Amino acid sequence: MHDSGAAALTLVITTFNRSRYLQGLLESVAALDPAPERIIVVDNASTDDTQETIAGAAARLPMPVVNLRLPVNAGGAGGFAAGVERALTEGASWLWVMDDDVVVLPAP
């Protein structure tokens, strides 16, 4: 949330070799209002084009996109643990954690 009076919401996404799903999720986040203050994408050592997808989102989205690439696939739980730790280090007050295969919908 970009309002200076609002608590810092960080979105933590864990992904592994599903760049198309990740792309859809990141595009849906771009339409949120209010938007999260920051996005942390935990790449569980993907071997597809996930890194390019994250870089493209970082260049186009209005909020910082942190690319946290793990050296091995730590699974969902390991990815979320790493992402939450990074989010707290970055100053998050609120966390929203999700897998890569969803999209978010703005309120009507």
PDB file of N, CA and C in Angstrom:
ATOM      1  N   MET A   1       0.861  -1.157   0.000  1.00  0.00           N
ATOM      2  CA  MET A   1       0.000   0.000   0.000  1.00  0.00           C
ATOM      3  C   MET A   1       0.909   1.221   0.000  1.00  0.00           C
ATOM      4  N   HIS A   2       0.651   2.135  -0.860  1.00  0.00           N
ATOM      5  CA  HIS A   2       1.562   3.252  -1.037  1.00  0.00           C
ATOM      6  C   HIS A   2       1.221   4.454  -0.173  1.00  0.00           C
ATOM      7  N   ASP A   3       0.113   4.445   0.509  1.00  0.00           N
ATOM      8  CA  ASP A   3      -0.260   5.510   1.432  1.00  0.00           C
ATOM      9  C   ASP A   3       0.708   5.478   2.608  1.00  0.00           C
ATOM     10  N   SER A   4       1.363   6.605   2.893  1.00  0.00           N
ATOM     11  CA  SER A   4       2.377   6.616   3.948  1.00  0.00           C
ATOM     12  C   SER A   4       1.779   6.292   5.310  1.00  0.00           C
ATOM     13  N   GLY A   5       0.477   6.465   5.498  1.00  0.00           N
ATOM     14  CA  GLY A   5      -0.154   6.141   6.759  1.00  0.00           C
ATOM     15  C   GLY A   5      -0.587   4.688   6.848  1.00  0.00           C
ATOM     16  N   ALA A   6      -0.500   3.961   5.752  1.00  0.00           N
ATOM     17  CA  ALA A   6      -0.941   2.569   5.733  1.00  0.00           C
ATOM     18  C   ALA A   6       0.214   1.650   6.107  1.00  0.00           C
ATOM     19  N   ALA A   7      -0.130   0.506   6.669  1.00  0.00           N
ATOM     20  CA  ALA A   7       0.875  -0.496   6.995  1.00  0.00           C
ATOM     21  C   ALA A   7       1.468  -1.060   5.704  1.00  0.00           C
ATOM     22  N   ALA A   8       2.723  -1.454   5.765  1.00  0.00           N
ATOM     23  CA  ALA A   8       3.416  -1.972   4.591  1.00  0.00           C
ATOM     24  C   ALA A   8       2.990  -3.407   4.303  1.00  0.00           C
ATOM     25  N   LEU A   9       2.276  -3.609   3.185  1.00  0.00           N
ATOM     26  CA  LEU A   9       1.854  -4.938   2.754  1.00  0.00           C
ATOM     27  C   LEU A   9       2.840  -5.454   1.723  1.00  0.00           C
ATOM     28  N   THR A  10       3.392  -6.628   1.965  1.00  0.00           N
ATOM     29  CA  THR A  10       4.285  -7.274   1.018  1.00  0.00           C
ATOM     30  C   THR A  10       3.646  -8.567   0.544  1.00  0.00           C
ATOM     31  N   LEU A  11       3.637  -8.751  -0.748  1.00  0.00           N
ATOM     32  CA  LEU A  11       3.129  -9.967  -1.374  1.00  0.00           C
ATOM     33  C   LEU A  11       4.303 -10.915  -1.573  1.00  0.00           C
ATOM     34  N   VAL A  12       4.196 -12.141  -1.061  1.00  0.00           N
ATOM     35  CA  VAL A  12       5.233 -13.166  -1.213  1.00  0.00           C
ATOM     36  C   VAL A  12       4.672 -14.273  -2.098  1.00  0.00           C
ATOM     37  N   ILE A  13       5.339 -14.520  -3.212  1.00  0.00           N
ATOM     38  CA  ILE A  13       4.922 -15.542  -4.170  1.00  0.00           C
ATOM     39  C   ILE A  13       6.032 -16.578  -4.274  1.00  0.00           C
ATOM     40  N   THR A  14       5.667 -17.858  -4.176  1.00  0.00           N
ATOM     41  CA  THR A  14       6.630 -18.935  -4.389  1.00  0.00           C
ATOM     42  C   THR A  14       6.316 -19.599  -5.721  1.00  0.00           C
ATOM     43  N   THR A  15       7.371 -19.852  -6.509  1.00  0.00           N
ATOM     44  CA  THR A  15       7.170 -20.434  -7.830  1.00  0.00           C
ATOM     45  C   THR A  15       8.256 -21.443  -8.150  1.00  0.00           C
ATOM     46  N   PHE A  16       7.918 -22.380  -9.038  1.00  0.00           N
ATOM     47  CA  PHE A  16       8.888 -23.340  -9.563  1.00  0.00           C
ATOM     48  C   PHE A  16       8.427 -23.794 -10.940  1.00  0.00           C
ATOM     49  N   ASN A  17       9.162 -23.380 -11.962  1.00  0.00           N
ATOM     50  CA  ASN A  17       8.935 -23.810 -13.342  1.00  0.00           C
ATOM     51  C   ASN A  17       7.508 -23.607 -13.841  1.00  0.00           C
ATOM     52  N   ARG A  18       6.893 -22.504 -13.442  1.00  0.00           N
ATOM     53  CA  ARG A  18       5.548 -22.207 -13.943  1.00  0.00           C
ATOM     54  C   ARG A  18       5.458 -20.735 -14.304  1.00  0.00           C
ATOM     55  N   SER A  19       6.328 -20.318 -15.198  1.00  0.00           N
ATOM     56  CA  SER A  19       6.420 -18.897 -15.538  1.00  0.00           C
ATOM     57  C   SER A  19       5.129 -18.353 -16.142  1.00  0.00           C
ATOM     58  N   ARG A  20       4.384 -19.158 -16.879  1.00  0.00           N
ATOM     59  CA  ARG A  20       3.130 -18.650 -17.457  1.00  0.00           C
ATOM     60  C   ARG A  20       2.115 -18.332 -16.377  1.00  0.00           C
ATOM     61  N   TYR A  21       2.024 -19.203 -15.369  1.00  0.00           N
ATOM     62  CA  TYR A  21       1.139 -18.910 -14.245  1.00  0.00           C
ATOM     63  C   TYR A  21       1.618 -17.654 -13.516  1.00  0.00           C
ATOM     64  N   LEU A  22       2.908 -17.594 -13.261  1.00  0.00           N
ATOM     65  CA  LEU A  22       3.479 -16.444 -12.559  1.00  0.00           C
ATOM     66  C   LEU A  22       3.200 -15.158 -13.314  1.00  0.00           C
ATOM     67  N   GLN A  23       3.337 -15.187 -14.616  1.00  0.00           N
ATOM     68  CA  GLN A  23       3.065 -14.006 -15.454  1.00  0.00           C
ATOM     69  C   GLN A  23       1.635 -13.521 -15.250  1.00  0.00           C
ATOM     70  N   GLY A  24       0.678 -14.434 -15.263  1.00  0.00           N
ATOM     71  CA  GLY A  24      -0.721 -14.062 -15.066  1.00  0.00           C
ATOM     72  C   GLY A  24      -0.961 -13.451 -13.695  1.00  0.00           C
ATOM     73  N   LEU A  25      -0.361 -14.034 -12.670  1.00  0.00           N
ATOM     74  CA  LEU A  25      -0.511 -13.491 -11.324  1.00  0.00           C
ATOM     75  C   LEU A  25       0.074 -12.090 -11.233  1.00  0.00           C
ATOM     76  N   LEU A  26       1.282 -11.908 -11.743  1.00  0.00           N
ATOM     77  CA  LEU A  26       1.912 -10.586 -11.665  1.00  0.00           C
ATOM     78  C   LEU A  26       1.115  -9.537 -12.441  1.00  0.00           C
ATOM     79  N   GLU A  27       0.539  -9.910 -13.570  1.00  0.00           N
ATOM     80  CA  GLU A  27      -0.302  -8.976 -14.326  1.00  0.00           C
ATOM     81  C   GLU A  27      -1.544  -8.606 -13.525  1.00  0.00           C
ATOM     82  N   SER A  28      -2.133  -9.563 -12.807  1.00  0.00           N
ATOM     83  CA  SER A  28      -3.320  -9.256 -12.015  1.00  0.00           C
ATOM     84  C   SER A  28      -2.982  -8.351 -10.826  1.00  0.00           C
ATOM     85  N   VAL A  29      -1.814  -8.514 -10.249  1.00  0.00           N
ATOM     86  CA  VAL A  29      -1.391  -7.660  -9.134  1.00  0.00           C
ATOM     87  C   VAL A  29      -1.242  -6.212  -9.592  1.00  0.00           C
ATOM     88  N   ALA A  30      -0.822  -6.017 -10.823  1.00  0.00           N
ATOM     89  CA  ALA A  30      -0.635  -4.665 -11.353  1.00  0.00           C
ATOM     90  C   ALA A  30      -1.934  -3.867 -11.354  1.00  0.00           C
ATOM     91  N   ALA A  31      -3.077  -4.546 -11.382  1.00  0.00           N
ATOM     92  CA  ALA A  31      -4.377  -3.863 -11.434  1.00  0.00           C
ATOM     93  C   ALA A  31      -4.957  -3.571 -10.048  1.00  0.00           C
ATOM     94  N   LEU A  32      -4.304  -4.005  -8.980  1.00  0.00           N
ATOM     95  CA  LEU A  32      -4.848  -3.800  -7.635  1.00  0.00           C
ATOM     96  C   LEU A  32      -4.757  -2.343  -7.195  1.00  0.00           C
ATOM     97  N   ASP A  33      -5.799  -1.893  -6.509  1.00  0.00           N
ATOM     98  CA  ASP A  33      -5.803  -0.556  -5.923  1.00  0.00           C
ATOM     99  C   ASP A  33      -6.560  -0.619  -4.608  1.00  0.00           C
ATOM    100  N   PRO A  34      -5.894  -0.520  -3.476  1.00  0.00           N
ATOM    101  CA  PRO A  34      -4.473  -0.201  -3.360  1.00  0.00           C
ATOM    102  C   PRO A  34      -3.616  -1.419  -3.685  1.00  0.00           C
ATOM    103  N   ALA A  35      -2.412  -1.131  -4.114  1.00  0.00           N
ATOM    104  CA  ALA A  35      -1.468  -2.175  -4.486  1.00  0.00           C
ATOM    105  C   ALA A  35      -0.562  -2.507  -3.313  1.00  0.00           C
ATOM    106  N   PRO A  36       0.021  -3.696  -3.318  1.00  0.00           N
ATOM    107  CA  PRO A  36       1.005  -3.983  -2.275  1.00  0.00           C
ATOM    108  C   PRO A  36       2.207  -3.051  -2.420  1.00  0.00           C
ATOM    109  N   GLU A  37       2.872  -2.822  -1.321  1.00  0.00           N
ATOM    110  CA  GLU A  37       4.048  -1.948  -1.354  1.00  0.00           C
ATOM    111  C   GLU A  37       5.223  -2.613  -2.072  1.00  0.00           C
ATOM    112  N   ARG A  38       5.272  -3.930  -1.996  1.00  0.00           N
ATOM    113  CA  ARG A  38       6.408  -4.667  -2.544  1.00  0.00           C
ATOM    114  C   ARG A  38       5.952  -6.089  -2.868  1.00  0.00           C
ATOM    115  N   ILE A  39       6.608  -6.692  -3.854  1.00  0.00           N
ATOM    116  CA  ILE A  39       6.384  -8.092  -4.199  1.00  0.00           C
ATOM    117  C   ILE A  39       7.721  -8.814  -4.068  1.00  0.00           C
ATOM    118  N   ILE A  40       7.697  -9.948  -3.397  1.00  0.00           N
ATOM    119  CA  ILE A  40       8.875 -10.797  -3.330  1.00  0.00           C
ATOM    120  C   ILE A  40       8.521 -12.102  -4.024  1.00  0.00           C
ATOM    121  N   VAL A  41       9.242 -12.401  -5.095  1.00  0.00           N
ATOM    122  CA  VAL A  41       9.031 -13.654  -5.817  1.00  0.00           C
ATOM    123  C   VAL A  41      10.162 -14.596  -5.436  1.00  0.00           C
ATOM    124  N   VAL A  42       9.798 -15.719  -4.841  1.00  0.00           N
ATOM    125  CA  VAL A  42      10.776 -16.737  -4.464  1.00  0.00           C
ATOM    126  C   VAL A  42      10.803 -17.776  -5.579  1.00  0.00           C
ATOM    127  N   ASP A  43      11.906 -17.803  -6.307  1.00  0.00           N
ATOM    128  CA  ASP A  43      12.090 -18.771  -7.389  1.00  0.00           C
ATOM    129  C   ASP A  43      12.839 -19.971  -6.815  1.00  0.00           C
ATOM    130  N   ASN A  44      12.145 -21.090  -6.759  1.00  0.00           N
ATOM    131  CA  ASN A  44      12.698 -22.328  -6.204  1.00  0.00           C
ATOM    132  C   ASN A  44      13.597 -23.039  -7.211  1.00  0.00           C
ATOM    133  N   ALA A  45      14.608 -22.326  -7.715  1.00  0.00           N
ATOM    134  CA  ALA A  45      15.602 -22.890  -8.643  1.00  0.00           C
ATOM    135  C   ALA A  45      14.968 -23.375  -9.946  1.00  0.00           C
ATOM    136  N   SER A  46      14.077 -22.569 -10.496  1.00  0.00           N
ATOM    137  CA  SER A  46      13.413 -22.927 -11.755  1.00  0.00           C
ATOM    138  C   SER A  46      14.422 -23.087 -12.882  1.00  0.00           C
ATOM    139  N   THR A  47      14.070 -23.937 -13.843  1.00  0.00           N
ATOM    140  CA  THR A  47      14.917 -24.142 -15.013  1.00  0.00           C
ATOM    141  C   THR A  47      14.244 -23.658 -16.296  1.00  0.00           C
ATOM    142  N   ASP A  48      13.053 -23.053 -16.176  1.00  0.00           N
ATOM    143  CA  ASP A  48      12.364 -22.490 -17.338  1.00  0.00           C
ATOM    144  C   ASP A  48      12.699 -20.998 -17.431  1.00  0.00           C
ATOM    145  N   ASP A  49      11.826 -20.204 -18.016  1.00  0.00           N
ATOM    146  CA  ASP A  49      12.100 -18.772 -18.187  1.00  0.00           C
ATOM    147  C   ASP A  49      11.558 -17.911 -17.044  1.00  0.00           C
ATOM    148  N   THR A  50      11.456 -18.483 -15.851  1.00  0.00           N
ATOM    149  CA  THR A  50      10.953 -17.752 -14.684  1.00  0.00           C
ATOM    150  C   THR A  50      11.773 -16.502 -14.404  1.00  0.00           C
ATOM    151  N   GLN A  51      13.081 -16.580 -14.510  1.00  0.00           N
ATOM    152  CA  GLN A  51      13.922 -15.415 -14.226  1.00  0.00           C
ATOM    153  C   GLN A  51      13.610 -14.260 -15.179  1.00  0.00           C
ATOM    154  N   GLU A  52      13.356 -14.556 -16.433  1.00  0.00           N
ATOM    155  CA  GLU A  52      12.995 -13.519 -17.404  1.00  0.00           C
ATOM    156  C   GLU A  52      11.627 -12.926 -17.069  1.00  0.00           C
ATOM    157  N   THR A  53      10.700 -13.767 -16.625  1.00  0.00           N
ATOM    158  CA  THR A  53       9.369 -13.287 -16.240  1.00  0.00           C
ATOM    159  C   THR A  53       9.468 -12.327 -15.060  1.00  0.00           C
ATOM    160  N   ILE A  54      10.277 -12.662 -14.080  1.00  0.00           N
ATOM    161  CA  ILE A  54      10.452 -11.793 -12.906  1.00  0.00           C
ATOM    162  C   ILE A  54      11.111 -10.482 -13.317  1.00  0.00           C
ATOM    163  N   ALA A  55      12.134 -10.556 -14.141  1.00  0.00           N
ATOM    164  CA  ALA A  55      12.823  -9.339 -14.598  1.00  0.00           C
ATOM    165  C   ALA A  55      11.873  -8.432 -15.375  1.00  0.00           C
ATOM    166  N   GLY A  56      11.030  -9.012 -16.215  1.00  0.00           N
ATOM    167  CA  GLY A  56      10.065  -8.217 -16.967  1.00  0.00           C
ATOM    168  C   GLY A  56       9.070  -7.527 -16.055  1.00  0.00           C
ATOM    169  N   ALA A  57       8.603  -8.236 -15.042  1.00  0.00           N
ATOM    170  CA  ALA A  57       7.668  -7.647 -14.077  1.00  0.00           C
ATOM    171  C   ALA A  57       8.335  -6.529 -13.302  1.00  0.00           C
ATOM    172  N   ALA A  58       9.581  -6.732 -12.919  1.00  0.00           N
ATOM    173  CA  ALA A  58      10.305  -5.705 -12.159  1.00  0.00           C
ATOM    174  C   ALA A  58      10.464  -4.427 -12.973  1.00  0.00           C
ATOM    175  N   ALA A  59      10.602  -4.565 -14.272  1.00  0.00           N
ATOM    176  CA  ALA A  59      10.767  -3.391 -15.136  1.00  0.00           C
ATOM    177  C   ALA A  59       9.452  -2.665 -15.381  1.00  0.00           C
ATOM    178  N   ARG A  60       8.327  -3.382 -15.264  1.00  0.00           N
ATOM    179  CA  ARG A  60       7.055  -2.796 -15.671  1.00  0.00           C
ATOM    180  C   ARG A  60       6.117  -2.443 -14.525  1.00  0.00           C
ATOM    181  N   LEU A  61       6.221  -3.114 -13.397  1.00  0.00           N
ATOM    182  CA  LEU A  61       5.285  -2.866 -12.297  1.00  0.00           C
ATOM    183  C   LEU A  61       5.673  -1.613 -11.509  1.00  0.00           C
ATOM    184  N   PRO A  62       4.685  -0.929 -10.923  1.00  0.00           N
ATOM    185  CA  PRO A  62       4.968   0.323 -10.210  1.00  0.00           C
ATOM    186  C   PRO A  62       5.567   0.147  -8.815  1.00  0.00           C
ATOM    187  N   MET A  63       5.602  -1.079  -8.315  1.00  0.00           N
ATOM    188  CA  MET A  63       6.184  -1.328  -6.994  1.00  0.00           C
ATOM    189  C   MET A  63       7.441  -2.181  -7.164  1.00  0.00           C
ATOM    190  N   PRO A  64       8.332  -2.168  -6.167  1.00  0.00           N
ATOM    191  CA  PRO A  64       9.526  -3.006  -6.274  1.00  0.00           C
ATOM    192  C   PRO A  64       9.164  -4.491  -6.334  1.00  0.00           C
ATOM    193  N   VAL A  65       9.861  -5.208  -7.192  1.00  0.00           N
ATOM    194  CA  VAL A  65       9.729  -6.654  -7.297  1.00  0.00           C
ATOM    195  C   VAL A  65      11.084  -7.244  -6.928  1.00  0.00           C
ATOM    196  N   VAL A  66      11.125  -7.943  -5.807  1.00  0.00           N
ATOM    197  CA  VAL A  66      12.362  -8.555  -5.326  1.00  0.00           C
ATOM    198  C   VAL A  66      12.446  -9.972  -5.873  1.00  0.00           C
ATOM    199  N   ASN A  67      13.556 -10.282  -6.516  1.00  0.00           N
ATOM    200  CA  ASN A  67      13.787 -11.600  -7.089  1.00  0.00           C
ATOM    201  C   ASN A  67      14.656 -12.386  -6.115  1.00  0.00           C
ATOM    202  N   LEU A  68      14.043 -13.311  -5.396  1.00  0.00           N
ATOM    203  CA  LEU A  68      14.760 -14.130  -4.422  1.00  0.00           C
ATOM    204  C   LEU A  68      14.886 -15.539  -5.002  1.00  0.00           C
ATOM    205  N   ARG A  69      16.008 -15.789  -5.658  1.00  0.00           N
ATOM    206  CA  ARG A  69      16.233 -17.093  -6.298  1.00  0.00           C
ATOM    207  C   ARG A  69      16.967 -18.006  -5.326  1.00  0.00           C
ATOM    208  N   LEU A  70      16.353 -19.154  -5.024  1.00  0.00           N
ATOM    209  CA  LEU A  70      16.979 -20.125  -4.136  1.00  0.00           C
ATOM    210  C   LEU A  70      17.889 -21.050  -4.939  1.00  0.00           C
ATOM    211  N   PRO A  71      18.980 -21.525  -4.340  1.00  0.00           N
ATOM    212  CA  PRO A  71      19.914 -22.388  -5.074  1.00  0.00           C
ATOM    213  C   PRO A  71      19.384 -23.798  -5.321  1.00  0.00           C
ATOM    214  N   VAL A  72      18.388 -24.207  -4.542  1.00  0.00           N
ATOM    215  CA  VAL A  72      17.747 -25.519  -4.709  1.00  0.00           C
ATOM    216  C   VAL A  72      16.245 -25.337  -4.533  1.00  0.00           C
ATOM    217  N   ASN A  73      15.480 -26.312  -5.010  1.00  0.00           N
ATOM    218  CA  ASN A  73      14.034 -26.277  -4.825  1.00  0.00           C
ATOM    219  C   ASN A  73      13.731 -26.679  -3.379  1.00  0.00           C
ATOM    220  N   ALA A  74      13.365 -25.705  -2.569  1.00  0.00           N
ATOM    221  CA  ALA A  74      13.065 -25.943  -1.157  1.00  0.00           C
ATOM    222  C   ALA A  74      11.598 -26.289  -0.935  1.00  0.00           C
ATOM    223  N   GLY A  75      10.829 -26.426  -2.019  1.00  0.00           N
ATOM    224  CA  GLY A  75       9.408 -26.733  -1.905  1.00  0.00           C
ATOM    225  C   GLY A  75       8.614 -25.509  -1.488  1.00  0.00           C
ATOM    226  N   GLY A  76       7.315 -25.683  -1.416  1.00  0.00           N
ATOM    227  CA  GLY A  76       6.446 -24.568  -1.049  1.00  0.00           C
ATOM    228  C   GLY A  76       6.769 -24.012   0.326  1.00  0.00           C
ATOM    229  N   ALA A  77       6.890 -24.891   1.313  1.00  0.00           N
ATOM    230  CA  ALA A  77       7.151 -24.437   2.682  1.00  0.00           C
ATOM    231  C   ALA A  77       8.491 -23.726   2.786  1.00  0.00           C
ATOM    232  N   GLY A  78       9.526 -24.283   2.167  1.00  0.00           N
ATOM    233  CA  GLY A  78      10.841 -23.640   2.205  1.00  0.00           C
ATOM    234  C   GLY A  78      10.849 -22.315   1.473  1.00  0.00           C
ATOM    235  N   GLY A  79      10.131 -22.265   0.356  1.00  0.00           N
ATOM    236  CA  GLY A  79      10.038 -21.010  -0.392  1.00  0.00           C
ATOM    237  C   GLY A  79       9.325 -19.937   0.397  1.00  0.00           C
ATOM    238  N   PHE A  80       8.210 -20.303   1.025  1.00  0.00           N
ATOM    239  CA  PHE A  80       7.486 -19.317   1.827  1.00  0.00           C
ATOM    240  C   PHE A  80       8.302 -18.872   3.030  1.00  0.00           C
ATOM    241  N   ALA A  81       9.029 -19.793   3.666  1.00  0.00           N
ATOM    242  CA  ALA A  81       9.865 -19.418   4.805  1.00  0.00           C
ATOM    243  C   ALA A  81      10.922 -18.400   4.378  1.00  0.00           C
ATOM    244  N   ALA A  82      11.574 -18.640   3.245  1.00  0.00           N
ATOM    245  CA  ALA A  82      12.585 -17.702   2.747  1.00  0.00           C
ATOM    246  C   ALA A  82      11.953 -16.366   2.378  1.00  0.00           C
ATOM    247  N   GLY A  83      10.782 -16.406   1.744  1.00  0.00           N
ATOM    248  CA  GLY A  83      10.110 -15.173   1.344  1.00  0.00           C
ATOM    249  C   GLY A  83       9.631 -14.347   2.520  1.00  0.00           C
ATOM    250  N   VAL A  84       9.079 -14.998   3.524  1.00  0.00           N
ATOM    251  CA  VAL A  84       8.610 -14.286   4.717  1.00  0.00           C
ATOM    252  C   VAL A  84       9.793 -13.661   5.449  1.00  0.00           C
ATOM    253  N   GLU A  85      10.886 -14.407   5.555  1.00  0.00           N
ATOM    254  CA  GLU A  85      12.076 -13.856   6.210  1.00  0.00           C
ATOM    255  C   GLU A  85      12.561 -12.600   5.474  1.00  0.00           C
ATOM    256  N   ARG A  86      12.601 -12.670   4.148  1.00  0.00           N
ATOM    257  CA  ARG A  86      13.040 -11.512   3.357  1.00  0.00           C
ATOM    258  C   ARG A  86      12.068 -10.350   3.509  1.00  0.00           C
ATOM    259  N   ALA A  87      10.768 -10.637   3.498  1.00  0.00           N
ATOM    260  CA  ALA A  87       9.758  -9.586   3.642  1.00  0.00           C
ATOM    261  C   ALA A  87       9.907  -8.860   4.972  1.00  0.00           C
ATOM    262  N   LEU A  88      10.117  -9.603   6.032  1.00  0.00           N
ATOM    263  CA  LEU A  88      10.288  -8.979   7.345  1.00  0.00           C
ATOM    264  C   LEU A  88      11.567  -8.144   7.386  1.00  0.00           C
ATOM    265  N   THR A  89      12.616  -8.629   6.736  1.00  0.00           N
ATOM    266  CA  THR A  89      13.865  -7.865   6.637  1.00  0.00           C
ATOM    267  C   THR A  89      13.644  -6.556   5.879  1.00  0.00           C
ATOM    268  N   GLU A  90      12.751  -6.592   4.891  1.00  0.00           N
ATOM    269  CA  GLU A  90      12.459  -5.414   4.068  1.00  0.00           C
ATOM    270  C   GLU A  90      11.483  -4.458   4.757  1.00  0.00           C
ATOM    271  N   GLY A  91      10.984  -4.814   5.941  1.00  0.00           N
ATOM    272  CA  GLY A  91      10.124  -3.913   6.692  1.00  0.00           C
ATOM    273  C   GLY A  91       8.636  -4.140   6.562  1.00  0.00           C
ATOM    274  N   ALA A  92       8.234  -5.307   6.085  1.00  0.00           N
ATOM    275  CA  ALA A  92       6.803  -5.586   5.922  1.00  0.00           C
ATOM    276  C   ALA A  92       6.097  -5.604   7.273  1.00  0.00           C
ATOM    277  N   SER A  93       4.929  -4.979   7.297  1.00  0.00           N
ATOM    278  CA  SER A  93       4.060  -5.066   8.468  1.00  0.00           C
ATOM    279  C   SER A  93       2.991  -6.139   8.269  1.00  0.00           C
ATOM    280  N   TRP A  94       2.593  -6.320   7.029  1.00  0.00           N
ATOM    281  CA  TRP A  94       1.577  -7.304   6.665  1.00  0.00           C
ATOM    282  C   TRP A  94       2.111  -8.150   5.518  1.00  0.00           C
ATOM    283  N   LEU A  95       1.746  -9.434   5.522  1.00  0.00           N
ATOM    284  CA  LEU A  95       2.175 -10.354   4.472  1.00  0.00           C
ATOM    285  C   LEU A  95       0.971 -10.979   3.800  1.00  0.00           C
ATOM    286  N   TRP A  96       1.080 -11.154   2.507  1.00  0.00           N
ATOM    287  CA  TRP A  96       0.080 -11.878   1.731  1.00  0.00           C
ATOM    288  C   TRP A  96       0.873 -12.927   0.969  1.00  0.00           C
ATOM    289  N   VAL A  97       0.712 -14.198   1.301  1.00  0.00           N
ATOM    290  CA  VAL A  97       1.487 -15.259   0.665  1.00  0.00           C
ATOM    291  C   VAL A  97       0.581 -16.058  -0.254  1.00  0.00           C
ATOM    292  N   MET A  98       1.138 -16.425  -1.416  1.00  0.00           N
ATOM    293  CA  MET A  98       0.346 -17.194  -2.373  1.00  0.00           C
ATOM    294  C   MET A  98       1.243 -17.975  -3.317  1.00  0.00           C
ATOM    295  N   ASP A  99       0.656 -19.027  -3.845  1.00  0.00           N
ATOM    296  CA  ASP A  99       1.311 -19.794  -4.899  1.00  0.00           C
ATOM    297  C   ASP A  99       1.236 -19.011  -6.205  1.00  0.00           C
ATOM    298  N   ASP A 100       1.940 -19.504  -7.200  1.00  0.00           N
ATOM    299  CA  ASP A 100       2.014 -18.821  -8.486  1.00  0.00           C
ATOM    300  C   ASP A 100       0.813 -19.074  -9.395  1.00  0.00           C
ATOM    301  N   ASP A 101      -0.051 -20.017  -9.070  1.00  0.00           N
ATOM    302  CA  ASP A 101      -1.104 -20.429  -9.997  1.00  0.00           C
ATOM    303  C   ASP A 101      -2.474 -19.827  -9.689  1.00  0.00           C
ATOM    304  N   VAL A 102      -2.478 -18.618  -9.173  1.00  0.00           N
ATOM    305  CA  VAL A 102      -3.714 -17.907  -8.902  1.00  0.00           C
ATOM    306  C   VAL A 102      -3.633 -16.524  -9.534  1.00  0.00           C
ATOM    307  N   VAL A 103      -4.759 -15.834  -9.574  1.00  0.00           N
ATOM    308  CA  VAL A 103      -4.775 -14.417  -9.935  1.00  0.00           C
ATOM    309  C   VAL A 103      -5.577 -13.698  -8.853  1.00  0.00           C
ATOM    310  N   VAL A 104      -5.299 -12.430  -8.688  1.00  0.00           N
ATOM    311  CA  VAL A 104      -6.044 -11.633  -7.725  1.00  0.00           C
ATOM    312  C   VAL A 104      -7.050 -10.780  -8.479  1.00  0.00           C
ATOM    313  N   LEU A 105      -8.195 -10.566  -7.853  1.00  0.00           N
ATOM    314  CA  LEU A 105      -9.250  -9.784  -8.484  1.00  0.00           C
ATOM    315  C   LEU A 105      -9.493  -8.513  -7.676  1.00  0.00           C
ATOM    316  N   PRO A 106      -9.570  -7.381  -8.337  1.00  0.00           N
ATOM    317  CA  PRO A 106      -9.875  -6.152  -7.613  1.00  0.00           C
ATOM    318  C   PRO A 106     -11.297  -6.179  -7.073  1.00  0.00           C
ATOM    319  N   ALA A 107     -11.520  -5.434  -6.018  1.00  0.00           N
ATOM    320  CA  ALA A 107     -12.869  -5.335  -5.461  1.00  0.00           C
ATOM    321  C   ALA A 107     -13.787  -4.691  -6.493  1.00  0.00           C
ATOM    322  N   PRO A 108     -15.057  -5.108  -6.517  1.00  0.00           N
ATOM    323  CA  PRO A 108     -16.007  -4.529  -7.490  1.00  0.00           C
ATOM    324  C   PRO A 108     -16.309  -3.078  -7.185  1.00  0.00           C
TER     325      PRO A 108
END
